Amino acid sequence: METLSFARTQTETLDIQPKQQRLVIGVPKETTMQENRVALVPHAVATLTAHGHRVIVETGAGDKAKFSDLDYSEAGAEVSSSKDLVFKTDVLLKVAPPTLEEIDWMQPNQVLISPIHLPMMQPDYIVKLQKKRIIALAMEYIRDDETGVFPIVHAMSEIAGISAILIASELLATNHGGKGVLLGGIAGVPPAKVIILGAGVVAEFATRTALGLGAEVRIFDNNVYKLMRLQNRVGRQLHTSVINPMHLKEQILTADVAIGAMHSPQGRAPVLVSEEIVGRMKAGSVILDISIDQGGCFETSVMTSHDHPTYEKFGVIHYCVPNIPSRVARTASDAISNILASLLLRAEHGGVLALITSQEGLRNGVYTYKGCLTNAYLGAKFNIKSTNLDLLITSDI
């Protein structure tokens, strides 16, 4: 007798997409540090609202970057004069660190994306974020998983590098207390000597600008690959060196302009120039410490503001403003907004927490998470217990 064989019925599977997470995003008006930038510009708001997200912008948030309330309203944002409404959103976007009073307005388990300025940070700031159980991400430590680039740092560094040379050129002028030296020199008169500490993005754009103006440029970094990359990108032979203390000292003492442009991936920037060396620099020379938001590369660096950007020590002019890109607020706002909007669009399937869980580069930016400090450097700096973020996320799952 013939045996009949029957194929088993296969269970049909459907490709089910995760349910879209509609975010409520708050963009407050910045009130500290002469901050002129805004975290989202109208065209980014239009993109986010088209995807179903709700964006609440505080009245006047974009004024200093020349974006009106009407621009935001026409882009689909809700423009509100209520700080309470703006600060009670799922995700809060700021281009300056929140004040202690602003943290009081925030709600538990809210996601905060903002910079942290290490020289100004106090332990009570961390403690308040912990008590509110805020999930706080530092803009400058958010890293792209594919390229390893810190995207917001990269964009702001381009602006800072170009601006640094233009600022230095002004500060060298006699009426600013400088040496009265023209950065590029002229026929028969040598140009100014510019020393750059670091060979990252700031250094690249500062070098391009300085060379374009005719200055003599020398770059120091301990990463030989970065020195080679910078030289290749600029497209010409440059004076580059690893950070040999004796050679660096010799160059700093004869510099007209010294720029600190070192970036730490998680903690403080290294101090490369001591007070003793600064004290021996030429009178009227200029220090621009672009790394000041991470503590600075010069021992004599103290954070300044756009209202009072410079001070003099040992006859050397110091410029230590942490938010240099705020000088060109519209360009800087566009750059930040592009990055944040892209990040939020990726979070629409599962939310920001799911995105943090799946992307190591975002986790690198988290420094407080649901009541715990997760940045080891900040823990050591303020003597507050820190916990590994991966362990906290694993326990949440």
Protein backbone atom coordinates (compact mmCIF):
# COMPACT_ATOMS: atom_id res chain seq x y z
CA MET A 1 0.00 0.00 0.00
CA GLU A 2 1.40 3.38 -1.00
CA THR A 3 2.08 5.74 1.87
CA LEU A 4 1.04 9.30 1.33
CA SER A 5 3.28 12.02 2.75
CA PHE A 6 1.91 15.43 3.64
CA ALA A 7 3.93 18.61 3.89
CA ARG A 8 3.69 20.33 7.24
CA THR A 9 1.81 23.58 7.30
CA GLN A 10 4.27 26.43 7.84
CA THR A 11 3.41 29.26 10.19
CA GLU A 12 3.20 32.52 8.27
CA THR A 13 5.40 35.28 9.69
CA LEU A 14 4.75 38.95 9.23
CA ASP A 15 7.35 41.67 9.09
CA ILE A 16 6.03 43.80 11.93
CA GLN A 17 7.63 47.19 12.30
CA PRO A 18 8.02 48.60 15.82
CA LYS A 19 5.27 51.02 16.71
CA GLN A 20 6.24 54.62 16.06
CA GLN A 21 7.05 56.54 19.23
CA ARG A 22 5.72 60.07 19.09
CA LEU A 23 8.06 62.33 21.04
CA VAL A 24 7.28 65.60 22.77
CA ILE A 25 10.37 67.80 22.38
CA GLY A 26 11.07 70.99 24.32
CA VAL A 27 13.34 73.81 23.11
CA PRO A 28 13.76 76.50 25.82
CA LYS A 29 15.18 79.98 25.40
CA GLU A 30 18.79 80.16 26.61
CA THR A 31 19.39 82.71 29.36
CA THR A 32 23.01 82.06 30.46
CA MET A 33 26.55 82.52 29.16
CA GLN A 34 25.48 85.02 26.46
CA GLU A 35 24.29 81.98 24.51
CA ASN A 36 22.85 83.00 21.14
CA ARG A 37 22.32 79.56 19.60
CA VAL A 38 19.14 77.47 19.58
CA ALA A 39 18.99 73.66 19.56
CA LEU A 40 16.45 73.24 16.75
CA VAL A 41 15.92 75.58 13.80
CA PRO A 42 12.58 75.87 11.96
CA HIS A 43 13.41 73.55 9.04
CA ALA A 44 14.32 70.77 11.51
CA VAL A 45 11.08 71.41 13.40
CA ALA A 46 9.16 71.00 10.13
CA THR A 47 10.84 67.63 9.53
CA LEU A 48 10.10 66.38 13.05
CA THR A 49 6.47 67.52 13.07
CA ALA A 50 5.97 65.92 9.65
CA HIS A 51 6.95 62.64 11.31
CA GLY A 52 4.27 63.13 13.95
CA HIS A 53 6.41 64.52 16.76
CA ARG A 54 5.32 67.48 18.88
CA VAL A 55 7.80 70.32 19.30
CA ILE A 56 7.27 73.04 21.92
CA VAL A 57 9.51 76.10 21.51
CA GLU A 58 9.72 78.80 24.17
CA THR A 59 8.85 82.30 23.01
CA GLY A 60 11.98 84.08 21.76
CA ALA A 61 14.16 80.95 21.75
CA GLY A 62 15.47 81.66 18.25
CA ASP A 63 15.59 85.46 18.33
CA LYS A 64 19.37 85.79 18.77
CA ALA A 65 19.98 83.36 15.91
CA LYS A 66 17.53 85.41 13.78
CA PHE A 67 14.71 82.82 13.80
CA SER A 68 11.37 84.39 14.76
CA ASP A 69 8.49 82.85 16.67
CA LEU A 70 6.49 83.07 13.43
CA ASP A 71 9.17 80.99 11.65
CA TYR A 72 8.72 78.27 14.26
CA SER A 73 4.95 78.46 14.23
CA GLU A 74 4.82 78.12 10.44
CA ALA A 75 7.16 75.10 10.71
CA GLY A 76 4.64 73.33 12.95
CA ALA A 77 6.00 74.09 16.41
CA GLU A 78 3.91 75.16 19.37
CA VAL A 79 5.36 78.46 20.54
CA SER A 80 4.74 78.98 24.25
CA SER A 81 5.69 81.55 26.87
CA SER A 82 5.24 78.88 29.58
CA LYS A 83 8.58 77.55 30.79
CA ASP A 84 6.68 74.91 32.74
CA LEU A 85 5.18 73.53 29.51
CA VAL A 86 8.53 73.54 27.66
CA PHE A 87 10.39 71.85 30.52
CA LYS A 88 7.80 69.09 31.01
CA THR A 89 8.50 67.43 27.66
CA ASP A 90 9.86 63.92 26.95
CA VAL A 91 13.10 65.28 25.51
CA LEU A 92 14.66 68.64 26.39
CA LEU A 93 17.21 70.14 24.00
CA LYS A 94 19.57 72.90 25.17
CA VAL A 95 22.75 74.43 23.81
CA ALA A 96 23.84 75.60 27.27
CA PRO A 97 23.82 73.50 30.46
CA PRO A 98 20.58 73.89 32.45
CA THR A 99 20.72 76.05 35.55
CA LEU A 100 19.79 74.63 38.95
CA GLU A 101 16.46 76.46 38.71
CA GLU A 102 15.80 74.92 35.28
CA ILE A 103 16.48 71.43 36.67
CA ASP A 104 13.71 72.10 39.22
CA TRP A 105 11.27 72.57 36.32
CA MET A 106 12.22 69.24 34.74
CA GLN A 107 10.31 66.00 35.28
CA PRO A 108 11.50 62.53 36.39
CA ASN A 109 12.90 60.21 33.69
CA GLN A 110 13.13 63.07 31.20
CA VAL A 111 15.87 62.94 28.55
CA LEU A 112 18.15 66.00 28.57
CA ILE A 113 20.58 66.66 25.72
CA SER A 114 22.89 69.60 26.43
CA PRO A 115 26.60 70.42 26.80
CA ILE A 116 28.45 70.18 30.09
CA HIS A 117 31.06 72.82 30.90
CA LEU A 118 33.47 71.13 33.30
CA PRO A 119 35.09 74.27 34.78
CA MET A 120 31.67 75.59 35.85
CA MET A 121 30.10 72.31 36.95
CA GLN A 122 29.39 71.88 40.67
CA PRO A 123 28.45 68.71 42.58
CA ASP A 124 24.97 70.05 43.42
CA TYR A 125 24.24 70.10 39.67
CA ILE A 126 24.89 66.36 39.47
CA VAL A 127 22.95 65.68 42.68
CA LYS A 128 19.89 67.57 41.39
CA LEU A 129 19.91 65.59 38.14
CA GLN A 130 20.16 62.39 40.17
CA LYS A 131 17.25 63.33 42.42
CA LYS A 132 15.11 64.08 39.35
CA ARG A 133 16.19 60.75 37.77
CA ILE A 134 17.13 62.64 34.58
CA ILE A 135 18.70 60.72 31.69
CA ALA A 136 21.31 63.34 30.75
CA LEU A 137 23.47 63.21 27.62
CA ALA A 138 26.44 65.52 27.09
CA MET A 139 26.48 66.80 23.50
CA GLU A 140 30.27 66.84 23.36
CA TYR A 141 30.55 63.14 24.27
CA ILE A 142 27.94 61.75 21.83
CA ARG A 143 29.82 59.64 19.30
CA ASP A 144 28.80 58.21 15.93
CA ASP A 145 29.10 54.42 15.98
CA GLU A 146 30.00 54.06 12.30
CA THR A 147 32.73 56.69 12.01
CA GLY A 148 33.85 57.16 15.62
CA VAL A 149 33.38 60.93 15.12
CA PHE A 150 31.86 63.16 17.81
CA PRO A 151 29.43 64.91 15.42
CA ILE A 152 28.48 67.99 17.44
CA VAL A 153 32.08 68.53 18.55
CA HIS A 154 33.13 68.15 14.91
CA ALA A 155 30.67 70.75 13.64
CA MET A 156 31.40 73.25 16.41
CA SER A 157 35.13 72.64 16.02
CA GLU A 158 35.02 73.67 12.37
CA ILE A 159 33.45 76.97 13.43
CA ALA A 160 35.77 77.39 16.41
CA GLY A 161 38.90 76.72 14.35
CA ILE A 162 38.08 79.36 11.75
CA SER A 163 36.88 81.83 14.41
CA ALA A 164 39.96 81.34 16.60
CA ILE A 165 42.34 82.67 13.96
CA LEU A 166 40.09 85.62 13.15
CA ILE A 167 39.84 86.45 16.86
CA ALA A 168 43.61 86.06 17.35
CA SER A 169 44.23 88.41 14.44
CA GLU A 170 42.13 91.08 16.18
CA LEU A 171 43.67 90.52 19.63
CA LEU A 172 47.19 90.96 18.22
CA ALA A 173 46.24 94.50 17.25
CA THR A 174 47.67 97.33 19.33
CA ASN A 175 44.27 98.71 20.34
CA HIS A 176 43.44 95.34 21.98
CA GLY A 177 46.68 95.35 23.96
CA GLY A 178 48.44 92.97 21.59
CA LYS A 179 51.88 93.21 20.05
CA GLY A 180 50.64 95.18 17.06
CA VAL A 181 51.56 92.33 14.72
CA LEU A 182 49.74 91.59 11.46
CA LEU A 183 49.01 87.87 11.42
CA GLY A 184 50.17 87.33 7.85
CA GLY A 185 53.01 89.82 7.68
CA ILE A 186 53.92 91.68 4.50
CA ALA A 187 56.85 91.76 2.08
CA GLY A 188 60.03 92.17 4.08
CA VAL A 189 58.24 91.64 7.45
CA PRO A 190 57.85 88.09 8.82
CA PRO A 191 54.37 86.75 9.67
CA ALA A 192 53.09 85.88 13.13
CA LYS A 193 53.91 82.46 14.56
CA VAL A 194 50.88 80.36 15.52
CA ILE A 195 51.21 77.26 17.72
CA ILE A 196 48.28 74.82 17.80
CA LEU A 197 48.00 72.13 20.48
CA GLY A 198 46.02 69.24 19.05
CA ALA A 199 45.62 67.94 15.50
CA GLY A 200 41.87 67.43 15.36
CA VAL A 201 39.13 69.31 13.56
CA VAL A 202 39.77 72.65 15.33
CA ALA A 203 43.42 72.43 14.35
CA GLU A 204 42.60 71.58 10.73
CA PHE A 205 40.31 74.56 10.21
CA ALA A 206 42.50 76.90 12.25
CA THR A 207 45.49 75.82 10.16
CA ARG A 208 43.65 76.39 6.87
CA THR A 209 42.56 79.85 7.98
CA ALA A 210 45.96 80.85 9.39
CA LEU A 211 47.79 79.69 6.28
CA GLY A 212 45.25 81.51 4.12
CA LEU A 213 46.10 84.72 5.98
CA GLY A 214 49.83 84.05 5.59
CA ALA A 215 50.76 83.06 9.16
CA GLU A 216 53.46 80.55 10.15
CA VAL A 217 51.79 77.50 11.76
CA ARG A 218 53.16 74.70 13.94
CA ILE A 219 50.98 71.83 15.22
CA PHE A 220 51.60 69.53 18.19
CA ASP A 221 49.83 66.26 19.02
CA ASN A 222 50.89 62.90 20.44
CA ASN A 223 48.80 61.04 17.84
CA VAL A 224 51.06 60.74 14.79
CA TYR A 225 48.17 59.44 12.66
CA LYS A 226 46.21 62.64 13.37
CA LEU A 227 49.23 64.76 12.42
CA MET A 228 49.57 62.83 9.15
CA ARG A 229 45.84 63.12 8.45
CA LEU A 230 45.85 66.88 9.07
CA GLN A 231 48.80 67.36 6.76
CA ASN A 232 47.11 65.31 4.02
CA ARG A 233 43.85 67.23 4.35
CA VAL A 234 45.53 70.62 4.24
CA GLY A 235 47.47 69.39 1.23
CA ARG A 236 50.88 70.84 1.97
CA GLN A 237 53.96 70.21 4.09
CA LEU A 238 53.48 71.50 7.64
CA HIS A 239 55.63 71.84 10.74
CA THR A 240 54.20 69.08 12.95
CA SER A 241 55.56 67.45 16.08
CA VAL A 242 54.68 65.06 18.85
CA ILE A 243 54.38 66.76 22.23
CA ASN A 244 57.99 66.74 23.35
CA PRO A 245 58.04 68.99 26.47
CA MET A 246 61.35 70.67 25.62
CA HIS A 247 60.50 71.33 21.97
CA LEU A 248 56.99 72.51 22.87
CA LYS A 249 58.38 74.89 25.49
CA GLU A 250 60.84 76.33 22.98
CA GLN A 251 58.07 76.96 20.45
CA ILE A 252 55.56 78.39 22.96
CA LEU A 253 58.11 80.91 24.24
CA THR A 254 58.56 82.32 20.73
CA ALA A 255 54.89 82.14 19.69
CA ASP A 256 52.70 85.13 18.88
CA VAL A 257 49.53 83.03 19.16
CA ALA A 258 49.01 79.75 21.05
CA ILE A 259 45.77 77.80 20.57
CA GLY A 260 44.62 74.99 22.87
CA ALA A 261 42.56 72.50 20.85
CA MET A 262 42.75 69.17 22.67
CA HIS A 263 39.54 67.14 23.12
CA SER A 264 39.05 64.45 25.74
CA PRO A 265 36.51 61.70 24.86
CA GLN A 266 35.13 61.57 28.42
CA GLY A 267 36.91 63.78 30.92
CA ARG A 268 39.22 66.76 31.29
CA ALA A 269 41.50 68.06 28.55
CA PRO A 270 45.21 67.61 29.39
CA VAL A 271 47.16 70.60 30.71
CA LEU A 272 50.14 70.92 28.36
CA VAL A 273 51.51 74.38 29.20
CA SER A 274 52.40 75.30 32.77
CA GLU A 275 52.00 78.66 34.44
CA GLU A 276 55.79 78.99 34.52
CA ILE A 277 56.00 78.73 30.72
CA VAL A 278 53.13 81.18 30.17
CA GLY A 279 54.96 83.61 32.47
CA ARG A 280 57.91 83.56 30.08
CA MET A 281 55.92 84.07 26.85
CA LYS A 282 56.38 87.30 24.89
CA ALA A 283 54.40 90.27 26.21
CA GLY A 284 51.36 90.98 24.05
CA SER A 285 51.15 87.43 22.72
CA VAL A 286 47.76 85.71 22.66
CA ILE A 287 46.41 82.45 24.12
CA LEU A 288 43.09 81.10 22.84
CA ASP A 289 42.08 78.07 24.89
CA ILE A 290 39.32 76.42 22.87
CA SER A 291 39.52 73.41 25.21
CA ILE A 292 38.31 75.55 28.13
CA ASP A 293 34.92 73.78 28.19
CA GLN A 294 36.90 70.68 29.23
CA GLY A 295 39.16 72.53 31.64
CA GLY A 296 41.71 73.98 29.22
CA CYS A 297 45.21 73.14 27.97
CA PHE A 298 46.99 76.05 29.68
CA GLU A 299 47.43 76.15 33.44
CA THR A 300 46.59 79.87 33.45
CA SER A 301 43.27 79.44 31.62
CA VAL A 302 40.10 80.63 33.37
CA MET A 303 36.71 80.53 31.68
CA THR A 304 35.51 83.87 30.29
CA SER A 305 32.34 85.05 28.55
CA HIS A 306 31.36 86.93 25.41
CA ASP A 307 30.70 90.01 27.57
CA HIS A 308 34.24 89.92 28.99
CA PRO A 309 36.13 87.53 26.68
CA THR A 310 39.73 88.33 27.61
CA TYR A 311 42.01 88.90 30.56
CA GLU A 312 45.74 89.47 30.86
CA LYS A 313 48.16 87.40 32.90
CA PHE A 314 51.96 87.80 32.79
CA GLY A 315 51.38 90.26 29.94
CA VAL A 316 49.76 87.54 27.81
CA ILE A 317 46.21 88.07 26.53
CA HIS A 318 43.96 85.07 27.33
CA TYR A 319 40.73 84.35 25.43
CA CYS A 320 38.85 81.48 27.11
CA VAL A 321 35.22 81.64 25.95
CA PRO A 322 33.69 78.12 25.94
CA ASN A 323 30.99 78.75 23.33
CA ILE A 324 32.90 80.47 20.56
CA PRO A 325 30.41 79.24 17.89
CA SER A 326 27.75 81.39 19.59
CA ARG A 327 29.44 84.34 17.84
CA VAL A 328 27.95 83.03 14.59
CA ALA A 329 24.70 81.80 16.10
CA ARG A 330 22.73 81.11 12.94
CA THR A 331 25.40 78.93 11.31
CA ALA A 332 26.07 77.10 14.58
CA SER A 333 22.36 76.55 15.27
CA ASP A 334 21.87 75.05 11.82
CA ALA A 335 24.75 72.63 12.40
CA ILE A 336 23.57 71.49 15.84
CA SER A 337 19.97 71.20 14.68
CA ASN A 338 20.89 68.94 11.75
CA ILE A 339 22.56 66.48 14.12
CA LEU A 340 19.89 66.50 16.83
CA ALA A 341 17.02 66.18 14.35
CA SER A 342 18.69 63.16 12.76
CA LEU A 343 19.17 61.59 16.20
CA LEU A 344 15.52 62.14 17.18
CA LEU A 345 14.26 60.69 13.90
CA ARG A 346 16.21 57.51 14.65
CA ALA A 347 14.51 57.39 18.05
CA GLU A 348 10.97 57.31 16.67
CA HIS A 349 10.89 53.50 16.74
CA GLY A 350 11.17 52.58 20.40
CA GLY A 351 12.07 55.99 21.84
CA VAL A 352 15.31 57.60 22.97
CA LEU A 353 15.97 55.01 25.69
CA ALA A 354 15.81 52.17 23.17
CA LEU A 355 18.22 54.09 20.94
CA ILE A 356 20.62 54.61 23.85
CA THR A 357 20.46 50.88 24.59
CA SER A 358 21.30 49.95 21.00
CA GLN A 359 24.01 52.53 20.24
CA GLU A 360 27.30 52.57 22.11
CA GLY A 361 28.12 56.06 20.87
CA LEU A 362 25.01 57.50 22.51
CA ARG A 363 25.75 55.65 25.74
CA ASN A 364 29.15 57.33 25.74
CA GLY A 365 27.33 60.65 26.10
CA VAL A 366 25.17 59.63 29.08
CA TYR A 367 26.42 60.97 32.41
CA THR A 368 23.35 60.52 34.64
CA TYR A 369 20.78 57.77 34.25
CA LYS A 370 17.66 57.39 36.40
CA GLY A 371 19.25 58.57 39.61
CA CYS A 372 22.79 57.29 39.02
CA LEU A 373 25.95 59.08 37.91
CA THR A 374 27.46 57.06 35.07
CA ASN A 375 30.52 59.13 34.13
CA ALA A 376 33.56 57.85 36.02
CA TYR A 377 35.53 61.09 35.52
CA LEU A 378 32.76 63.20 37.09
CA GLY A 379 32.46 60.67 39.90
CA ALA A 380 36.15 61.01 40.73
CA LYS A 381 36.09 64.82 40.33
CA PHE A 382 33.18 65.34 42.73
CA ASN A 383 33.66 62.28 44.93
CA ILE A 384 30.25 60.90 43.93
CA LYS A 385 29.72 57.19 43.34
CA SER A 386 29.48 56.33 39.64
CA THR A 387 27.96 53.20 38.15
CA ASN A 388 28.67 51.58 34.78
CA LEU A 389 25.80 52.50 32.44
CA ASP A 390 25.79 49.09 30.73
CA LEU A 391 25.08 47.44 34.08
CA LEU A 392 22.16 49.81 34.71
CA ILE A 393 20.67 49.23 31.27
CA THR A 394 21.02 45.45 31.65
CA SER A 395 19.18 45.57 34.96
CA ASP A 396 16.38 47.61 33.30
CA ILE A 397 15.81 45.06 30.52
